[in-house]
Amino acid sequence: MTTVDGVVRAGHSGTGAVRARRPLAARLVARAGGGAMRVFLVLVALFWLMPSVGLLLSSLRSPQRIAESGWWQVFREPAQITWDNYSQLLSNDKVMGSLLTTAAITVPATVLVVVIGSLAGYAFAWMDFPGRDGWFLAVVGLLVVPVQVALIPVAKLFGAVGLFETTAGVVLFHTAFGLPFAVFLLRNFFAEIPRELLEAARLDGAGELRLFTRVVLPLGGPAIASLAIFQFLWVWNDMLIALIFADSGHPPVTVALQQEVRQFGNNIDVLAPGAFLSMVVPLIVFFAFQRQFVSGVMAGAVK
C-alpha cells in the first residue's frame, strides 16, 4: 500500500512538475482558447478591415455628404449610398488609363521575377558550377541594398540608354530589385527537396530542364505562389519608383491619384473610388491565392 501511495504521489508530483515547467504563454493560451480567443481574433480582423470598409463607404457617398459627416453615418442613412462617384471615375480617362499602366508594369515584373528566380534558385540549389557559393553570397548581399541608393545611378543609366520615363524601365527596375529575394527564397526551398527524388528522376533519363519543369516546379508551387503574391503587391502599391521612372503622361495609378490630389484637392468623388479600386485588385489576388500562400509560409517555417 505504501508503495502504491508512493507511486501515486510521485505521479501527481511529476504531473505538477510538468505543469510548472510549461511556459507561461502556453498556459495563458490554453486557458484563453476556445470562444474567447475566437472573439478576440474576430475583433482584430474587424479592426484591420475598418479602413477598407471606411474607404468603400466613402466612395459610395456624395462629396457633400463626405464634407458634412463621417462614413459611419451610412449605417444610419443607407439611402445616401450612390454609384455616381464610380460613374465619374469610369469617365476619367487618366485614372482608368493609369490602372492599365499599373497592370502593364506589375504583370511583367512579377512574371520575370518568378521565372528568373526559379531558374536561378534551382541552379544554386542543385547544379555545380564554378563560384556557385560565392555568387550566392553576392546575391544574398544584395538583399541589404536599399532602393534609395540606386535611384540616381539607375536614373542616369536609363537616361543614357533611353529607358527613362518608360514602362520598360520601371519593369526592369522592379525585376532587378525583386530578384535577390526571389533567388534567396527559392534556392532555400528547392534545396530541401530530397536528393533521392532527383536522382531517381535522373536515372529515368530526365535532363536538367525536364527535372526542373516536372519535379522541382510542382514541389515548389507553394513557395513560388508566395513569391508571386509578394512581388505583385510590392509592385502594384509602389509609388516611389513609379514617380521617378514612369512616363509622366501615362503614370501608374498611385502617381495618378497623387496628381489628382495635387491639382484638385477637393476632388474626393474621384479619389475615393479610385483609391478603393486600386486597393481591391491586390486584395483579390491575395485571397485568390490564399491557400497557396499559407502552404508556402507553413512549408518554409517547417523547413
C-alpha atoms as a PDB file:
ATOM      1  CA  MET A   1       0.000   0.000   0.000  1.00  0.00           C
ATOM      2  CA  THR A   2       2.834   2.315   0.834  1.00  0.00           C
ATOM      3  CA  THR A   3       4.394   1.556  -2.491  1.00  0.00           C
ATOM      4  CA  VAL A   4       1.159   2.279  -4.307  1.00  0.00           C
ATOM      5  CA  ASP A   5       0.721   5.534  -2.430  1.00  0.00           C
ATOM      6  CA  GLY A   6       4.285   6.427  -3.188  1.00  0.00           C
ATOM      7  CA  VAL A   7       3.782   5.768  -6.876  1.00  0.00           C
ATOM      8  CA  VAL A   8       0.554   7.756  -6.952  1.00  0.00           C
ATOM      9  CA  ARG A   9       2.147  10.613  -5.097  1.00  0.00           C
ATOM     10  CA  ALA A  10       5.153  10.535  -7.393  1.00  0.00           C
ATOM     11  CA  GLY A  11       2.806  10.552 -10.357  1.00  0.00           C
ATOM     12  CA  HIS A  12       0.963  13.564  -9.016  1.00  0.00           C
ATOM     13  CA  SER A  13       4.189  15.377  -8.224  1.00  0.00           C
ATOM     14  CA  GLY A  14       5.510  14.584 -11.700  1.00  0.00           C
ATOM     15  CA  THR A  15       2.352  15.962 -13.304  1.00  0.00           C
ATOM     16  CA  GLY A  16       2.642  19.109 -11.244  1.00  0.00           C
ATOM     17  CA  ALA A  17       6.258  19.466 -12.249  1.00  0.00           C
ATOM     18  CA  VAL A  18       5.319  19.131 -15.914  1.00  0.00           C
ATOM     19  CA  ARG A  19       2.633  21.757 -15.481  1.00  0.00           C
ATOM     20  CA  ALA A  20       5.079  24.007 -13.700  1.00  0.00           C
ATOM     21  CA  ARG A  21       7.596  23.606 -16.490  1.00  0.00           C
ATOM     22  CA  ARG A  22       5.081  24.688 -19.144  1.00  0.00           C
ATOM     23  CA  PRO A  23       5.764  28.229 -20.351  1.00  0.00           C
ATOM     24  CA  LEU A  24       3.509  30.946 -19.008  1.00  0.00           C
ATOM     25  CA  ALA A  25       2.478  31.983 -22.527  1.00  0.00           C
ATOM     26  CA  ALA A  26       1.412  28.410 -23.365  1.00  0.00           C
ATOM     27  CA  ARG A  27      -0.691  28.192 -20.212  1.00  0.00           C
ATOM     28  CA  LEU A  28      -2.362  31.537 -20.931  1.00  0.00           C
ATOM     29  CA  VAL A  29      -3.159  30.492 -24.489  1.00  0.00           C
ATOM     30  CA  ALA A  30      -4.567  27.180 -23.270  1.00  0.00           C
ATOM     31  CA  ARG A  31      -6.842  28.924 -20.775  1.00  0.00           C
ATOM     32  CA  ALA A  32      -7.899  31.636 -23.232  1.00  0.00           C
ATOM     33  CA  GLY A  33      -8.551  29.173 -26.030  1.00  0.00           C
ATOM     34  CA  GLY A  34     -11.938  28.448 -27.470  1.00  0.00           C
ATOM     35  CA  GLY A  35     -14.609  31.103 -27.625  1.00  0.00           C
ATOM     36  CA  ALA A  36     -12.658  33.938 -26.035  1.00  0.00           C
ATOM     37  CA  MET A  37      -9.767  33.578 -28.453  1.00  0.00           C
ATOM     38  CA  ARG A  38     -12.113  33.420 -31.436  1.00  0.00           C
ATOM     39  CA  VAL A  39     -13.862  36.599 -30.328  1.00  0.00           C
ATOM     40  CA  PHE A  40     -10.505  38.331 -29.937  1.00  0.00           C
ATOM     41  CA  LEU A  41      -9.367  37.268 -33.415  1.00  0.00           C
ATOM     42  CA  VAL A  42     -12.653  38.429 -34.941  1.00  0.00           C
ATOM     43  CA  LEU A  43     -12.238  41.832 -33.283  1.00  0.00           C
ATOM     44  CA  VAL A  44      -8.689  42.116 -34.584  1.00  0.00           C
ATOM     45  CA  ALA A  45      -9.851  41.224 -38.098  1.00  0.00           C
ATOM     46  CA  LEU A  46     -12.648  43.796 -37.953  1.00  0.00           C
ATOM     47  CA  PHE A  47     -10.233  46.461 -36.710  1.00  0.00           C
ATOM     48  CA  TRP A  48      -7.833  45.603 -39.547  1.00  0.00           C
ATOM     49  CA  LEU A  49     -10.628  45.831 -42.144  1.00  0.00           C
ATOM     50  CA  MET A  50     -12.063  49.081 -40.811  1.00  0.00           C
ATOM     51  CA  PRO A  51     -10.001  51.429 -43.073  1.00  0.00           C
ATOM     52  CA  SER A  52     -11.012  49.416 -46.139  1.00  0.00           C
ATOM     53  CA  VAL A  53     -14.682  49.489 -45.150  1.00  0.00           C
ATOM     54  CA  GLY A  54     -14.460  53.215 -44.453  1.00  0.00           C
ATOM     55  CA  LEU A  55     -12.905  53.875 -47.854  1.00  0.00           C
ATOM     56  CA  LEU A  56     -15.589  51.792 -49.575  1.00  0.00           C
ATOM     57  CA  LEU A  57     -18.435  53.599 -47.848  1.00  0.00           C
ATOM     58  CA  SER A  58     -16.822  56.977 -48.525  1.00  0.00           C
ATOM     59  CA  SER A  59     -16.575  56.129 -52.203  1.00  0.00           C
ATOM     60  CA  LEU A  60     -20.341  55.471 -52.199  1.00  0.00           C
ATOM     61  CA  ARG A  61     -21.251  58.878 -50.741  1.00  0.00           C
ATOM     62  CA  SER A  62     -21.597  62.251 -52.414  1.00  0.00           C
ATOM     63  CA  PRO A  63     -18.907  64.915 -51.830  1.00  0.00           C
ATOM     64  CA  GLN A  64     -21.404  66.999 -49.849  1.00  0.00           C
ATOM     65  CA  ARG A  65     -22.132  64.103 -47.516  1.00  0.00           C
ATOM     66  CA  ILE A  66     -18.420  63.403 -47.068  1.00  0.00           C
ATOM     67  CA  ALA A  67     -17.788  67.027 -46.108  1.00  0.00           C
ATOM     68  CA  GLU A  68     -20.669  67.069 -43.627  1.00  0.00           C
ATOM     69  CA  SER A  69     -20.168  63.832 -41.685  1.00  0.00           C
ATOM     70  CA  GLY A  70     -18.143  60.640 -41.345  1.00  0.00           C
ATOM     71  CA  TRP A  71     -18.554  57.456 -43.331  1.00  0.00           C
ATOM     72  CA  TRP A  72     -20.205  55.639 -40.411  1.00  0.00           C
ATOM     73  CA  GLN A  73     -23.320  57.737 -40.956  1.00  0.00           C
ATOM     74  CA  VAL A  74     -24.152  55.351 -43.808  1.00  0.00           C
ATOM     75  CA  PHE A  75     -25.425  52.862 -41.241  1.00  0.00           C
ATOM     76  CA  ARG A  76     -27.957  55.441 -40.029  1.00  0.00           C
ATOM     77  CA  GLU A  77     -28.985  56.640 -43.505  1.00  0.00           C
ATOM     78  CA  PRO A  78     -28.407  53.896 -46.082  1.00  0.00           C
ATOM     79  CA  ALA A  79     -30.292  55.976 -48.677  1.00  0.00           C
ATOM     80  CA  GLN A  80     -27.253  58.238 -49.129  1.00  0.00           C
ATOM     81  CA  ILE A  81     -25.359  55.457 -50.937  1.00  0.00           C
ATOM     82  CA  THR A  82     -24.887  56.317 -54.608  1.00  0.00           C
ATOM     83  CA  TRP A  83     -22.870  54.985 -57.549  1.00  0.00           C
ATOM     84  CA  ASP A  84     -22.333  58.405 -59.123  1.00  0.00           C
ATOM     85  CA  ASN A  85     -18.707  58.527 -57.966  1.00  0.00           C
ATOM     86  CA  TYR A  86     -17.885  55.335 -59.838  1.00  0.00           C
ATOM     87  CA  SER A  87     -19.645  56.659 -62.921  1.00  0.00           C
ATOM     88  CA  GLN A  88     -17.395  59.725 -62.826  1.00  0.00           C
ATOM     89  CA  LEU A  89     -14.383  57.514 -62.255  1.00  0.00           C
ATOM     90  CA  LEU A  90     -15.154  55.411 -65.316  1.00  0.00           C
ATOM     91  CA  SER A  91     -15.357  58.606 -67.359  1.00  0.00           C
ATOM     92  CA  ASN A  92     -11.987  59.811 -66.056  1.00  0.00           C
ATOM     93  CA  ASP A  93      -9.596  58.663 -68.787  1.00  0.00           C
ATOM     94  CA  LYS A  94      -6.482  59.482 -66.792  1.00  0.00           C
ATOM     95  CA  VAL A  95      -7.332  57.358 -63.757  1.00  0.00           C
ATOM     96  CA  MET A  96      -8.667  54.450 -65.791  1.00  0.00           C
ATOM     97  CA  GLY A  97      -5.652  54.559 -68.092  1.00  0.00           C
ATOM     98  CA  SER A  98      -3.390  54.543 -65.043  1.00  0.00           C
ATOM     99  CA  LEU A  99      -4.895  51.216 -63.966  1.00  0.00           C
ATOM    100  CA  LEU A 100      -3.916  49.713 -67.316  1.00  0.00           C
ATOM    101  CA  THR A 101      -0.417  51.188 -66.960  1.00  0.00           C
ATOM    102  CA  THR A 102      -0.106  49.682 -63.485  1.00  0.00           C
ATOM    103  CA  ALA A 103      -1.148  46.273 -64.827  1.00  0.00           C
ATOM    104  CA  ALA A 104       1.340  46.622 -67.702  1.00  0.00           C
ATOM    105  CA  ILE A 105       4.090  47.170 -65.125  1.00  0.00           C
ATOM    106  CA  THR A 106       3.036  44.724 -62.426  1.00  0.00           C
ATOM    107  CA  VAL A 107       2.341  41.620 -64.508  1.00  0.00           C
ATOM    108  CA  PRO A 108       5.672  41.532 -66.438  1.00  0.00           C
ATOM    109  CA  ALA A 109       7.673  42.449 -63.331  1.00  0.00           C
ATOM    110  CA  THR A 110       6.042  39.609 -61.390  1.00  0.00           C
ATOM    111  CA  VAL A 111       6.396  37.032 -64.176  1.00  0.00           C
ATOM    112  CA  LEU A 112      10.052  37.892 -64.818  1.00  0.00           C
ATOM    113  CA  VAL A 113      10.976  37.679 -61.145  1.00  0.00           C
ATOM    114  CA  VAL A 114       9.205  34.341 -60.721  1.00  0.00           C
ATOM    115  CA  VAL A 115      10.701  32.771 -63.862  1.00  0.00           C
ATOM    116  CA  ILE A 116      14.269  34.046 -63.444  1.00  0.00           C
ATOM    117  CA  GLY A 117      14.212  33.489 -59.675  1.00  0.00           C
ATOM    118  CA  SER A 118      13.019  29.897 -60.130  1.00  0.00           C
ATOM    119  CA  LEU A 119      15.736  29.100 -62.662  1.00  0.00           C
ATOM    120  CA  ALA A 120      18.459  30.723 -60.570  1.00  0.00           C
ATOM    121  CA  GLY A 121      17.193  29.108 -57.354  1.00  0.00           C
ATOM    122  CA  TYR A 122      17.320  25.668 -58.960  1.00  0.00           C
ATOM    123  CA  ALA A 123      20.808  26.320 -60.305  1.00  0.00           C
ATOM    124  CA  PHE A 124      22.141  27.438 -56.928  1.00  0.00           C
ATOM    125  CA  ALA A 125      20.473  24.509 -55.156  1.00  0.00           C
ATOM    126  CA  TRP A 126      21.253  21.515 -57.416  1.00  0.00           C
ATOM    127  CA  MET A 127      23.733  22.432 -60.131  1.00  0.00           C
ATOM    128  CA  ASP A 128      27.517  22.525 -59.740  1.00  0.00           C
ATOM    129  CA  PHE A 129      29.351  25.373 -61.451  1.00  0.00           C
ATOM    130  CA  PRO A 130      32.479  27.396 -60.630  1.00  0.00           C
ATOM    131  CA  GLY A 131      31.972  30.005 -57.920  1.00  0.00           C
ATOM    132  CA  ARG A 132      28.472  28.877 -57.018  1.00  0.00           C
ATOM    133  CA  ASP A 133      28.749  29.672 -53.308  1.00  0.00           C
ATOM    134  CA  GLY A 134      30.444  32.998 -53.967  1.00  0.00           C
ATOM    135  CA  TRP A 135      27.759  34.071 -56.422  1.00  0.00           C
ATOM    136  CA  PHE A 136      25.056  33.068 -53.996  1.00  0.00           C
ATOM    137  CA  LEU A 137      26.672  35.102 -51.215  1.00  0.00           C
ATOM    138  CA  ALA A 138      26.753  38.061 -53.588  1.00  0.00           C
ATOM    139  CA  VAL A 139      23.039  37.634 -54.254  1.00  0.00           C
ATOM    140  CA  VAL A 140      22.339  37.477 -50.514  1.00  0.00           C
ATOM    141  CA  GLY A 141      24.422  40.616 -50.051  1.00  0.00           C
ATOM    142  CA  LEU A 142      22.193  42.476 -52.498  1.00  0.00           C
ATOM    143  CA  LEU A 143      19.271  41.991 -50.114  1.00  0.00           C
ATOM    144  CA  VAL A 144      20.636  44.721 -47.837  1.00  0.00           C
ATOM    145  CA  VAL A 145      20.986  47.306 -50.617  1.00  0.00           C
ATOM    146  CA  PRO A 146      18.192  49.885 -50.201  1.00  0.00           C
ATOM    147  CA  VAL A 147      16.251  51.045 -53.220  1.00  0.00           C
ATOM    148  CA  GLN A 148      17.026  54.690 -52.493  1.00  0.00           C
ATOM    149  CA  VAL A 149      20.764  54.137 -53.045  1.00  0.00           C
ATOM    150  CA  ALA A 150      20.220  53.109 -56.672  1.00  0.00           C
ATOM    151  CA  LEU A 151      17.741  55.805 -57.716  1.00  0.00           C
ATOM    152  CA  ILE A 152      20.228  58.374 -59.046  1.00  0.00           C
ATOM    153  CA  PRO A 153      22.699  55.925 -60.703  1.00  0.00           C
ATOM    154  CA  VAL A 154      19.894  53.962 -62.354  1.00  0.00           C
ATOM    155  CA  ALA A 155      18.181  57.176 -63.474  1.00  0.00           C
ATOM    156  CA  LYS A 156      21.409  58.257 -65.207  1.00  0.00           C
ATOM    157  CA  LEU A 157      21.817  54.820 -66.777  1.00  0.00           C
ATOM    158  CA  PHE A 158      18.222  54.724 -68.016  1.00  0.00           C
ATOM    159  CA  GLY A 159      18.584  58.226 -69.396  1.00  0.00           C
ATOM    160  CA  ALA A 160      21.697  57.213 -71.342  1.00  0.00           C
ATOM    161  CA  VAL A 161      20.060  54.129 -72.888  1.00  0.00           C
ATOM    162  CA  GLY A 162      16.637  55.677 -73.462  1.00  0.00           C
ATOM    163  CA  LEU A 163      14.692  53.823 -70.764  1.00  0.00           C
ATOM    164  CA  PHE A 164      13.952  56.786 -68.507  1.00  0.00           C
ATOM    165  CA  GLU A 165      10.217  57.542 -68.177  1.00  0.00           C
ATOM    166  CA  THR A 166       9.232  54.325 -69.925  1.00  0.00           C
ATOM    167  CA  THR A 167       7.203  51.337 -68.785  1.00  0.00           C
ATOM    168  CA  ALA A 168      10.064  49.005 -69.683  1.00  0.00           C
ATOM    169  CA  GLY A 169      12.405  50.924 -67.388  1.00  0.00           C
ATOM    170  CA  VAL A 170      10.050  50.590 -64.418  1.00  0.00           C
ATOM    171  CA  VAL A 171       9.643  46.859 -65.121  1.00  0.00           C
ATOM    172  CA  LEU A 172      13.420  46.352 -65.266  1.00  0.00           C
ATOM    173  CA  PHE A 173      13.929  48.271 -62.017  1.00  0.00           C
ATOM    174  CA  HIS A 174      11.343  46.207 -60.144  1.00  0.00           C
ATOM    175  CA  THR A 175      12.707  42.995 -61.644  1.00  0.00           C
ATOM    176  CA  ALA A 176      16.283  43.796 -60.654  1.00  0.00           C
ATOM    177  CA  PHE A 177      15.395  44.615 -57.052  1.00  0.00           C
ATOM    178  CA  GLY A 178      12.982  41.714 -56.699  1.00  0.00           C
ATOM    179  CA  LEU A 179      15.392  39.030 -57.900  1.00  0.00           C
ATOM    180  CA  PRO A 180      17.728  38.842 -54.855  1.00  0.00           C
ATOM    181  CA  PHE A 181      14.873  37.968 -52.519  1.00  0.00           C
ATOM    182  CA  ALA A 182      13.370  35.600 -55.088  1.00  0.00           C
ATOM    183  CA  VAL A 183      16.625  33.701 -55.592  1.00  0.00           C
ATOM    184  CA  PHE A 184      17.293  33.531 -51.852  1.00  0.00           C
ATOM    185  CA  LEU A 185      13.782  32.262 -51.068  1.00  0.00           C
ATOM    186  CA  LEU A 186      13.501  29.692 -53.855  1.00  0.00           C
ATOM    187  CA  ARG A 187      17.051  28.390 -53.514  1.00  0.00           C
ATOM    188  CA  ASN A 188      16.481  27.601 -49.840  1.00  0.00           C
ATOM    189  CA  PHE A 189      13.144  25.971 -50.636  1.00  0.00           C
ATOM    190  CA  PHE A 190      14.456  23.908 -53.554  1.00  0.00           C
ATOM    191  CA  ALA A 191      17.445  22.762 -51.508  1.00  0.00           C
ATOM    192  CA  GLU A 192      15.086  20.949 -49.124  1.00  0.00           C
ATOM    193  CA  ILE A 193      13.774  18.660 -51.879  1.00  0.00           C
ATOM    194  CA  PRO A 194      15.000  15.100 -51.204  1.00  0.00           C
ATOM    195  CA  ARG A 195      18.089  14.281 -53.248  1.00  0.00           C
ATOM    196  CA  GLU A 196      16.871  10.732 -53.763  1.00  0.00           C
ATOM    197  CA  LEU A 197      13.861  12.025 -55.675  1.00  0.00           C
ATOM    198  CA  LEU A 198      16.029  13.975 -58.092  1.00  0.00           C
ATOM    199  CA  GLU A 199      18.476  11.113 -58.512  1.00  0.00           C
ATOM    200  CA  ALA A 200      15.613   8.738 -59.310  1.00  0.00           C
ATOM    201  CA  ALA A 201      14.393  11.136 -61.996  1.00  0.00           C
ATOM    202  CA  ARG A 202      17.897  11.337 -63.469  1.00  0.00           C
ATOM    203  CA  LEU A 203      18.128   7.544 -63.555  1.00  0.00           C
ATOM    204  CA  ASP A 204      14.892   7.553 -65.581  1.00  0.00           C
ATOM    205  CA  GLY A 205      16.637   9.721 -68.168  1.00  0.00           C
ATOM    206  CA  ALA A 206      15.363  13.159 -67.150  1.00  0.00           C
ATOM    207  CA  GLY A 207      17.611  16.043 -68.088  1.00  0.00           C
ATOM    208  CA  GLU A 208      18.005  19.266 -66.135  1.00  0.00           C
ATOM    209  CA  LEU A 209      15.190  21.055 -67.967  1.00  0.00           C
ATOM    210  CA  ARG A 210      12.744  18.187 -67.566  1.00  0.00           C
ATOM    211  CA  LEU A 211      13.819  17.701 -63.970  1.00  0.00           C
ATOM    212  CA  PHE A 212      13.160  21.376 -63.311  1.00  0.00           C
ATOM    213  CA  THR A 213       9.751  21.502 -65.001  1.00  0.00           C
ATOM    214  CA  ARG A 214       8.395  18.075 -63.973  1.00  0.00           C
ATOM    215  CA  VAL A 215       9.781  17.643 -60.449  1.00  0.00           C
ATOM    216  CA  VAL A 216      11.082  20.863 -58.916  1.00  0.00           C
ATOM    217  CA  LEU A 217       8.382  23.289 -60.063  1.00  0.00           C
ATOM    218  CA  PRO A 218       5.412  21.172 -58.862  1.00  0.00           C
ATOM    219  CA  LEU A 219       7.049  20.640 -55.477  1.00  0.00           C
ATOM    220  CA  GLY A 220       7.966  24.318 -55.210  1.00  0.00           C
ATOM    221  CA  GLY A 221       4.491  25.549 -56.142  1.00  0.00           C
ATOM    222  CA  PRO A 222       3.607  26.972 -52.685  1.00  0.00           C
ATOM    223  CA  ALA A 223       6.878  28.903 -52.424  1.00  0.00           C
ATOM    224  CA  ILE A 224       6.523  30.238 -55.974  1.00  0.00           C
ATOM    225  CA  ALA A 225       2.938  31.331 -55.244  1.00  0.00           C
ATOM    226  CA  SER A 226       4.074  33.149 -52.099  1.00  0.00           C
ATOM    227  CA  LEU A 227       6.822  34.901 -54.041  1.00  0.00           C
ATOM    228  CA  ALA A 228       4.397  35.921 -56.795  1.00  0.00           C
ATOM    229  CA  ILE A 229       1.986  37.419 -54.251  1.00  0.00           C
ATOM    230  CA  PHE A 230       4.738  39.386 -52.502  1.00  0.00           C
ATOM    231  CA  GLN A 231       6.131  40.708 -55.773  1.00  0.00           C
ATOM    232  CA  PHE A 232       2.696  41.613 -57.150  1.00  0.00           C
ATOM    233  CA  LEU A 233       1.709  43.530 -54.016  1.00  0.00           C
ATOM    234  CA  TRP A 234       5.033  45.357 -53.865  1.00  0.00           C
ATOM    235  CA  VAL A 235       4.955  46.482 -57.495  1.00  0.00           C
ATOM    236  CA  TRP A 236       1.252  47.322 -57.599  1.00  0.00           C
ATOM    237  CA  ASN A 237       1.416  49.525 -54.477  1.00  0.00           C
ATOM    238  CA  ASP A 238       4.734  51.161 -55.352  1.00  0.00           C
ATOM    239  CA  MET A 239       4.825  54.916 -55.711  1.00  0.00           C
ATOM    240  CA  LEU A 240       8.453  55.975 -55.289  1.00  0.00           C
ATOM    241  CA  ILE A 241       9.865  54.149 -58.305  1.00  0.00           C
ATOM    242  CA  ALA A 242       6.818  54.952 -60.429  1.00  0.00           C
ATOM    243  CA  LEU A 243       7.055  58.628 -59.517  1.00  0.00           C
ATOM    244  CA  ILE A 244      10.658  58.797 -60.716  1.00  0.00           C
ATOM    245  CA  PHE A 245      10.935  56.368 -63.633  1.00  0.00           C
ATOM    246  CA  ALA A 246       7.416  56.092 -65.085  1.00  0.00           C
ATOM    247  CA  ASP A 247       6.102  58.102 -68.011  1.00  0.00           C
ATOM    248  CA  SER A 248       4.566  61.293 -66.626  1.00  0.00           C
ATOM    249  CA  GLY A 249       1.994  61.260 -69.420  1.00  0.00           C
ATOM    250  CA  HIS A 250       0.825  57.724 -68.615  1.00  0.00           C
ATOM    251  CA  PRO A 251       1.553  57.241 -64.893  1.00  0.00           C
ATOM    252  CA  PRO A 252       0.561  54.247 -62.731  1.00  0.00           C
ATOM    253  CA  VAL A 253      -2.488  54.539 -60.536  1.00  0.00           C
ATOM    254  CA  THR A 254      -0.588  55.549 -57.391  1.00  0.00           C
ATOM    255  CA  VAL A 255       1.005  58.507 -59.181  1.00  0.00           C
ATOM    256  CA  ALA A 256      -2.239  59.399 -60.970  1.00  0.00           C
ATOM    257  CA  LEU A 257      -4.120  59.605 -57.665  1.00  0.00           C
ATOM    258  CA  GLN A 258      -1.333  61.698 -56.176  1.00  0.00           C
ATOM    259  CA  GLN A 259      -1.564  64.106 -59.100  1.00  0.00           C
ATOM    260  CA  GLU A 260      -5.319  64.355 -58.602  1.00  0.00           C
ATOM    261  CA  VAL A 261      -4.734  65.384 -55.000  1.00  0.00           C
ATOM    262  CA  ARG A 262      -2.199  67.995 -56.061  1.00  0.00           C
ATOM    263  CA  GLN A 263      -4.376  69.522 -58.797  1.00  0.00           C
ATOM    264  CA  PHE A 264      -7.840  69.112 -57.262  1.00  0.00           C
ATOM    265  CA  GLY A 265      -7.586  68.926 -53.504  1.00  0.00           C
ATOM    266  CA  ASN A 266     -11.355  68.505 -53.017  1.00  0.00           C
ATOM    267  CA  ASN A 267     -11.882  66.006 -55.843  1.00  0.00           C
ATOM    268  CA  ILE A 268     -12.957  63.353 -53.375  1.00  0.00           C
ATOM    269  CA  ASP A 269     -15.587  61.940 -55.713  1.00  0.00           C
ATOM    270  CA  VAL A 270     -12.774  60.637 -57.933  1.00  0.00           C
ATOM    271  CA  LEU A 271     -10.102  59.999 -55.308  1.00  0.00           C
ATOM    272  CA  ALA A 272     -12.194  57.775 -53.018  1.00  0.00           C
ATOM    273  CA  PRO A 273     -13.420  55.287 -55.650  1.00  0.00           C
ATOM    274  CA  GLY A 274     -10.027  55.369 -57.400  1.00  0.00           C
ATOM    275  CA  ALA A 275      -8.180  54.559 -54.190  1.00  0.00           C
ATOM    276  CA  PHE A 276     -10.617  51.775 -53.345  1.00  0.00           C
ATOM    277  CA  LEU A 277     -10.384  50.295 -56.839  1.00  0.00           C
ATOM    278  CA  SER A 278      -6.587  50.327 -56.697  1.00  0.00           C
ATOM    279  CA  MET A 279      -6.745  48.566 -53.320  1.00  0.00           C
ATOM    280  CA  VAL A 280      -9.286  45.940 -54.371  1.00  0.00           C
ATOM    281  CA  VAL A 281      -7.048  44.372 -57.033  1.00  0.00           C
ATOM    282  CA  PRO A 282      -4.277  43.317 -54.584  1.00  0.00           C
ATOM    283  CA  LEU A 283      -6.919  42.025 -52.177  1.00  0.00           C
ATOM    284  CA  ILE A 284      -8.472  39.891 -54.908  1.00  0.00           C
ATOM    285  CA  VAL A 285      -5.053  38.492 -55.855  1.00  0.00           C
ATOM    286  CA  PHE A 286      -4.224  37.710 -52.224  1.00  0.00           C
ATOM    287  CA  PHE A 287      -7.498  35.958 -51.439  1.00  0.00           C
ATOM    288  CA  ALA A 288      -7.434  34.084 -54.753  1.00  0.00           C
ATOM    289  CA  PHE A 289      -4.057  32.551 -53.883  1.00  0.00           C
ATOM    290  CA  GLN A 290      -4.535  32.479 -50.116  1.00  0.00           C
ATOM    291  CA  ARG A 291      -4.299  28.696 -49.869  1.00  0.00           C
ATOM    292  CA  GLN A 292      -1.023  28.555 -51.818  1.00  0.00           C
ATOM    293  CA  PHE A 293       0.345  31.460 -49.802  1.00  0.00           C
ATOM    294  CA  VAL A 294      -0.398  29.798 -46.466  1.00  0.00           C
ATOM    295  CA  SER A 295       1.043  26.490 -47.720  1.00  0.00           C
ATOM    296  CA  GLY A 296       4.244  28.225 -48.790  1.00  0.00           C
ATOM    297  CA  VAL A 297       4.635  30.056 -45.485  1.00  0.00           C
ATOM    298  CA  MET A 298       3.981  26.909 -43.452  1.00  0.00           C
ATOM    299  CA  ALA A 299       6.353  24.851 -45.607  1.00  0.00           C
ATOM    300  CA  GLY A 300       9.043  27.450 -45.205  1.00  0.00           C
ATOM    301  CA  ALA A 301       8.515  27.524 -41.447  1.00  0.00           C
ATOM    302  CA  VAL A 302       8.803  23.736 -41.200  1.00  0.00           C
ATOM    303  CA  LYS A 303      11.856  23.619 -43.416  1.00  0.00           C
END
